[in-house]
Amino acid sequence: MAIYLRRATLSDLDEVMIIIEEARAQLKKNGNPQWQDGHPFTETIKNDIESGYSWVLLDGQKIVGTAALQLTPEQNYDEIEEGQWARPQEPYAIIHRVAVLPTKSGQSLGRFIFSNLLTVGYLQGVRNFRYDTHYKNIPVQKIGEEIGFIKRGTIYIEDKIDAKHMGFELNLP
């Protein structure tokens, strides 16, 4: 079966939220407080879809993963501690809300999502990419590092449980 990425539609919202909820449960099971305050919320994902930022990963006809590629800057990324962005004045895109069905774990689908989002952004003229993840989210840290993202420092996000996250950046020519 073909594995591919396509832009999410509002008709995908329920399936995307199931993936988010299953990923949230997996994070909790692994002792990771990320997303345990309830975000990302349905309204956030709906806004991503309406803004054209939301993508779904399909394995044949089944949605097995989701992520957002935000093409606008975010205030949370304005300040970084214990480091600095390599190209702080240049435009960048943010990879957000990456989740894969836990039953598909071990198939490199998270890496597939990241790689394809880089291509999508690159084709739109983006050369700088950022993402953040919790210090306990080792799988997402490894995915980024395998692709070439570099940990640049600490950023703080809106999270009622633990706002401290690692900020990663990839700069393409």
C-alpha atoms as a PDB file:
ATOM      1  CA  MET A   1       0.000   0.000   0.000  1.00  0.00           C
ATOM      2  CA  ALA A   2       1.103   3.548  -0.678  1.00  0.00           C
ATOM      3  CA  ILE A   3       2.087   5.672   2.301  1.00  0.00           C
ATOM      4  CA  TYR A   4       1.646   9.361   1.601  1.00  0.00           C
ATOM      5  CA  LEU A   5       0.851  12.747   3.079  1.00  0.00           C
ATOM      6  CA  ARG A   6      -2.086  14.925   2.099  1.00  0.00           C
ATOM      7  CA  ARG A   7      -3.615  18.101   3.431  1.00  0.00           C
ATOM      8  CA  ALA A   8      -6.246  17.395   6.092  1.00  0.00           C
ATOM      9  CA  THR A   9      -9.871  18.358   5.583  1.00  0.00           C
ATOM     10  CA  LEU A  10     -12.584  19.030   8.136  1.00  0.00           C
ATOM     11  CA  SER A  11     -13.996  15.571   7.403  1.00  0.00           C
ATOM     12  CA  ASP A  12     -10.731  14.155   8.838  1.00  0.00           C
ATOM     13  CA  LEU A  13     -11.122  15.964  12.162  1.00  0.00           C
ATOM     14  CA  ASP A  14     -12.604  13.057  14.138  1.00  0.00           C
ATOM     15  CA  GLU A  15      -9.932  10.617  12.933  1.00  0.00           C
ATOM     16  CA  VAL A  16      -7.163  13.122  13.656  1.00  0.00           C
ATOM     17  CA  MET A  17      -8.471  13.621  17.191  1.00  0.00           C
ATOM     18  CA  ILE A  18      -8.510   9.853  17.762  1.00  0.00           C
ATOM     19  CA  ILE A  19      -4.825   9.740  16.783  1.00  0.00           C
ATOM     20  CA  ILE A  20      -4.087  12.705  19.075  1.00  0.00           C
ATOM     21  CA  GLU A  21      -5.905  11.021  21.991  1.00  0.00           C
ATOM     22  CA  GLU A  22      -4.104   7.709  21.462  1.00  0.00           C
ATOM     23  CA  ALA A  23      -0.760   9.521  21.265  1.00  0.00           C
ATOM     24  CA  ARG A  24      -1.628  11.467  24.438  1.00  0.00           C
ATOM     25  CA  ALA A  25      -2.340   8.186  26.254  1.00  0.00           C
ATOM     26  CA  GLN A  26       0.964   6.746  24.991  1.00  0.00           C
ATOM     27  CA  LEU A  27       2.854   9.816  26.233  1.00  0.00           C
ATOM     28  CA  LYS A  28       1.242   9.438  29.655  1.00  0.00           C
ATOM     29  CA  LYS A  29       2.056   5.723  29.749  1.00  0.00           C
ATOM     30  CA  ASN A  30       5.710   6.607  29.052  1.00  0.00           C
ATOM     31  CA  GLY A  31       5.804   9.151  31.897  1.00  0.00           C
ATOM     32  CA  ASN A  32       5.841  12.151  29.572  1.00  0.00           C
ATOM     33  CA  PRO A  33       3.702  15.126  30.719  1.00  0.00           C
ATOM     34  CA  GLN A  34       3.479  16.480  27.167  1.00  0.00           C
ATOM     35  CA  TRP A  35      -0.148  17.060  26.055  1.00  0.00           C
ATOM     36  CA  GLN A  36      -1.462  15.959  29.459  1.00  0.00           C
ATOM     37  CA  ASP A  37      -3.074  19.369  30.035  1.00  0.00           C
ATOM     38  CA  GLY A  38      -5.514  18.563  27.222  1.00  0.00           C
ATOM     39  CA  HIS A  39      -3.866  20.280  24.275  1.00  0.00           C
ATOM     40  CA  PRO A  40      -3.885  20.061  21.360  1.00  0.00           C
ATOM     41  CA  PHE A  41      -7.574  20.807  21.548  1.00  0.00           C
ATOM     42  CA  THR A  42     -10.130  19.988  18.855  1.00  0.00           C
ATOM     43  CA  GLU A  43     -10.473  23.711  18.136  1.00  0.00           C
ATOM     44  CA  THR A  44      -6.690  23.969  17.569  1.00  0.00           C
ATOM     45  CA  ILE A  45      -6.733  21.111  15.065  1.00  0.00           C
ATOM     46  CA  LYS A  46      -9.812  22.586  13.371  1.00  0.00           C
ATOM     47  CA  ASN A  47      -7.988  25.927  13.044  1.00  0.00           C
ATOM     48  CA  ASP A  48      -4.936  24.114  11.624  1.00  0.00           C
ATOM     49  CA  ILE A  49      -7.161  22.471   9.006  1.00  0.00           C
ATOM     50  CA  GLU A  50      -8.901  25.730   8.097  1.00  0.00           C
ATOM     51  CA  SER A  51      -5.521  27.508   7.829  1.00  0.00           C
ATOM     52  CA  GLY A  52      -4.148  24.801   5.537  1.00  0.00           C
ATOM     53  CA  TYR A  53      -1.498  23.774   8.109  1.00  0.00           C
ATOM     54  CA  SER A  54      -2.836  20.325   8.984  1.00  0.00           C
ATOM     55  CA  TRP A  55      -1.613  17.199   7.209  1.00  0.00           C
ATOM     56  CA  VAL A  56      -2.547  13.552   7.521  1.00  0.00           C
ATOM     57  CA  LEU A  57      -0.450  10.513   6.788  1.00  0.00           C
ATOM     58  CA  LEU A  58      -2.255   7.725   4.989  1.00  0.00           C
ATOM     59  CA  ASP A  59      -1.349   4.077   4.732  1.00  0.00           C
ATOM     60  CA  GLY A  60      -3.519   3.058   1.819  1.00  0.00           C
ATOM     61  CA  GLN A  61      -6.915   4.536   2.697  1.00  0.00           C
ATOM     62  CA  LYS A  62      -6.373   4.714   6.478  1.00  0.00           C
ATOM     63  CA  ILE A  63      -5.200   7.829   8.297  1.00  0.00           C
ATOM     64  CA  VAL A  64      -2.351   6.690  10.561  1.00  0.00           C
ATOM     65  CA  GLY A  65      -0.660   9.985  11.454  1.00  0.00           C
ATOM     66  CA  THR A  66      -1.067  13.718  11.637  1.00  0.00           C
ATOM     67  CA  ALA A  67       0.999  16.883  11.942  1.00  0.00           C
ATOM     68  CA  ALA A  68       0.865  20.601  11.282  1.00  0.00           C
ATOM     69  CA  LEU A  69       3.257  22.684   9.210  1.00  0.00           C
ATOM     70  CA  GLN A  70       2.731  26.243  10.401  1.00  0.00           C
ATOM     71  CA  LEU A  71       4.101  28.781   7.934  1.00  0.00           C
ATOM     72  CA  THR A  72       3.839  31.770  10.246  1.00  0.00           C
ATOM     73  CA  PRO A  73       6.089  32.716  13.178  1.00  0.00           C
ATOM     74  CA  GLU A  74       5.023  31.982  16.731  1.00  0.00           C
ATOM     75  CA  GLN A  75       5.579  34.136  19.803  1.00  0.00           C
ATOM     76  CA  ASN A  76       6.772  31.122  21.830  1.00  0.00           C
ATOM     77  CA  TYR A  77       9.777  30.927  19.493  1.00  0.00           C
ATOM     78  CA  ASP A  78      10.752  34.595  19.925  1.00  0.00           C
ATOM     79  CA  GLU A  79      12.790  33.894  23.033  1.00  0.00           C
ATOM     80  CA  ILE A  80      15.099  30.950  23.446  1.00  0.00           C
ATOM     81  CA  GLU A  81      17.165  30.242  26.552  1.00  0.00           C
ATOM     82  CA  GLU A  82      20.392  28.293  26.952  1.00  0.00           C
ATOM     83  CA  GLY A  83      21.182  28.780  23.274  1.00  0.00           C
ATOM     84  CA  GLN A  84      20.093  30.655  20.179  1.00  0.00           C
ATOM     85  CA  TRP A  85      18.541  30.114  16.770  1.00  0.00           C
ATOM     86  CA  ALA A  86      21.066  29.894  13.923  1.00  0.00           C
ATOM     87  CA  ARG A  87      19.062  32.241  11.690  1.00  0.00           C
ATOM     88  CA  PRO A  88      16.944  34.275  14.102  1.00  0.00           C
ATOM     89  CA  GLN A  89      16.021  37.001  11.610  1.00  0.00           C
ATOM     90  CA  GLU A  90      14.999  34.721   8.745  1.00  0.00           C
ATOM     91  CA  PRO A  91      11.493  33.349   8.123  1.00  0.00           C
ATOM     92  CA  TYR A  92      10.796  29.829   9.355  1.00  0.00           C
ATOM     93  CA  ALA A  93       8.090  27.184   9.440  1.00  0.00           C
ATOM     94  CA  ILE A  94       7.151  25.168  12.524  1.00  0.00           C
ATOM     95  CA  ILE A  95       6.377  21.476  12.623  1.00  0.00           C
ATOM     96  CA  HIS A  96       3.732  20.971  15.298  1.00  0.00           C
ATOM     97  CA  ARG A  97       1.425  18.326  16.740  1.00  0.00           C
ATOM     98  CA  VAL A  98       3.087  15.263  15.213  1.00  0.00           C
ATOM     99  CA  ALA A  99       1.268  12.061  16.165  1.00  0.00           C
ATOM    100  CA  VAL A 100       1.174   8.534  14.785  1.00  0.00           C
ATOM    101  CA  LEU A 101      -1.133   5.738  15.830  1.00  0.00           C
ATOM    102  CA  PRO A 102       0.688   3.777  18.552  1.00  0.00           C
ATOM    103  CA  THR A 103      -0.218   0.557  16.710  1.00  0.00           C
ATOM    104  CA  LYS A 104       2.032   1.790  13.872  1.00  0.00           C
ATOM    105  CA  SER A 105       5.007   2.397  16.166  1.00  0.00           C
ATOM    106  CA  GLY A 106       8.381   1.197  14.896  1.00  0.00           C
ATOM    107  CA  GLN A 107       7.598   1.789  11.218  1.00  0.00           C
ATOM    108  CA  SER A 108       9.472   5.131  10.913  1.00  0.00           C
ATOM    109  CA  LEU A 109       6.217   6.943  10.135  1.00  0.00           C
ATOM    110  CA  GLY A 110       7.120   9.922  12.340  1.00  0.00           C
ATOM    111  CA  ARG A 111      10.313  10.367  10.350  1.00  0.00           C
ATOM    112  CA  PHE A 112       8.280  10.035   7.144  1.00  0.00           C
ATOM    113  CA  ILE A 113       5.979  12.841   8.315  1.00  0.00           C
ATOM    114  CA  PHE A 114       8.881  15.149   9.198  1.00  0.00           C
ATOM    115  CA  SER A 115      10.676  14.477   5.916  1.00  0.00           C
ATOM    116  CA  ASN A 116       7.591  15.089   3.828  1.00  0.00           C
ATOM    117  CA  LEU A 117       6.732  18.293   5.683  1.00  0.00           C
ATOM    118  CA  LEU A 118      10.245  19.552   4.949  1.00  0.00           C
ATOM    119  CA  THR A 119       9.577  18.929   1.264  1.00  0.00           C
ATOM    120  CA  VAL A 120       6.211  20.697   1.427  1.00  0.00           C
ATOM    121  CA  GLY A 121       7.807  23.717   3.112  1.00  0.00           C
ATOM    122  CA  TYR A 122      10.821  23.737   0.797  1.00  0.00           C
ATOM    123  CA  LEU A 123       8.570  23.783  -2.258  1.00  0.00           C
ATOM    124  CA  GLN A 124       6.950  26.894  -0.772  1.00  0.00           C
ATOM    125  CA  GLY A 125      10.303  28.633  -0.334  1.00  0.00           C
ATOM    126  CA  VAL A 126      10.897  27.828   3.345  1.00  0.00           C
ATOM    127  CA  ARG A 127      14.515  27.099   4.245  1.00  0.00           C
ATOM    128  CA  ASN A 128      14.368  27.222   8.037  1.00  0.00           C
ATOM    129  CA  PHE A 129      12.320  24.804  10.096  1.00  0.00           C
ATOM    130  CA  ARG A 130      11.730  24.615  13.833  1.00  0.00           C
ATOM    131  CA  TYR A 131       9.914  22.386  16.259  1.00  0.00           C
ATOM    132  CA  ASP A 132       9.720  21.896  19.990  1.00  0.00           C
ATOM    133  CA  THR A 133       9.173  18.894  22.164  1.00  0.00           C
ATOM    134  CA  HIS A 134       9.248  17.995  25.820  1.00  0.00           C
ATOM    135  CA  TYR A 135      12.553  16.955  27.352  1.00  0.00           C
ATOM    136  CA  LYS A 136      11.055  13.500  28.018  1.00  0.00           C
ATOM    137  CA  ASN A 137       9.895  12.966  24.433  1.00  0.00           C
ATOM    138  CA  ILE A 138      12.965  11.029  23.332  1.00  0.00           C
ATOM    139  CA  PRO A 139      11.370   9.482  20.197  1.00  0.00           C
ATOM    140  CA  VAL A 140      10.567  12.895  18.686  1.00  0.00           C
ATOM    141  CA  GLN A 141      14.005  14.226  19.643  1.00  0.00           C
ATOM    142  CA  LYS A 142      15.634  11.270  17.868  1.00  0.00           C
ATOM    143  CA  ILE A 143      13.524  11.704  14.743  1.00  0.00           C
ATOM    144  CA  GLY A 144      14.587  15.333  14.431  1.00  0.00           C
ATOM    145  CA  GLU A 145      18.243  14.602  15.097  1.00  0.00           C
ATOM    146  CA  GLU A 146      18.283  11.753  12.534  1.00  0.00           C
ATOM    147  CA  ILE A 147      16.978  14.168   9.897  1.00  0.00           C
ATOM    148  CA  GLY A 148      19.483  16.886  10.804  1.00  0.00           C
ATOM    149  CA  PHE A 149      17.660  19.135  13.264  1.00  0.00           C
ATOM    150  CA  ILE A 150      19.909  20.638  15.926  1.00  0.00           C
ATOM    151  CA  LYS A 151      18.860  21.353  19.497  1.00  0.00           C
ATOM    152  CA  ARG A 152      19.182  25.117  19.860  1.00  0.00           C
ATOM    153  CA  GLY A 153      17.977  25.688  23.419  1.00  0.00           C
ATOM    154  CA  THR A 154      14.932  25.908  25.647  1.00  0.00           C
ATOM    155  CA  ILE A 155      11.644  27.553  24.789  1.00  0.00           C
ATOM    156  CA  TYR A 156       8.482  27.860  26.833  1.00  0.00           C
ATOM    157  CA  ILE A 157       5.085  26.991  25.425  1.00  0.00           C
ATOM    158  CA  GLU A 158       1.543  27.342  26.735  1.00  0.00           C
ATOM    159  CA  ASP A 159       1.209  24.212  28.847  1.00  0.00           C
ATOM    160  CA  LYS A 160      -0.333  24.126  32.309  1.00  0.00           C
ATOM    161  CA  ILE A 161       1.730  21.099  33.429  1.00  0.00           C
ATOM    162  CA  ASP A 162       5.242  21.628  32.048  1.00  0.00           C
ATOM    163  CA  ALA A 163       5.934  24.522  29.685  1.00  0.00           C
ATOM    164  CA  LYS A 164       9.687  23.873  29.304  1.00  0.00           C
ATOM    165  CA  HIS A 165      10.483  22.372  25.897  1.00  0.00           C
ATOM    166  CA  MET A 166      13.535  21.781  23.742  1.00  0.00           C
ATOM    167  CA  GLY A 167      13.709  23.938  20.624  1.00  0.00           C
ATOM    168  CA  PHE A 168      15.109  22.321  17.459  1.00  0.00           C
ATOM    169  CA  GLU A 169      16.058  23.927  14.153  1.00  0.00           C
ATOM    170  CA  LEU A 170      17.042  22.779  10.671  1.00  0.00           C
ATOM    171  CA  ASN A 171      18.469  25.208   8.144  1.00  0.00           C
ATOM    172  CA  LEU A 172      18.459  24.156   4.500  1.00  0.00           C
ATOM    173  CA  PRO A 173      20.444  25.821   1.696  1.00  0.00           C
END
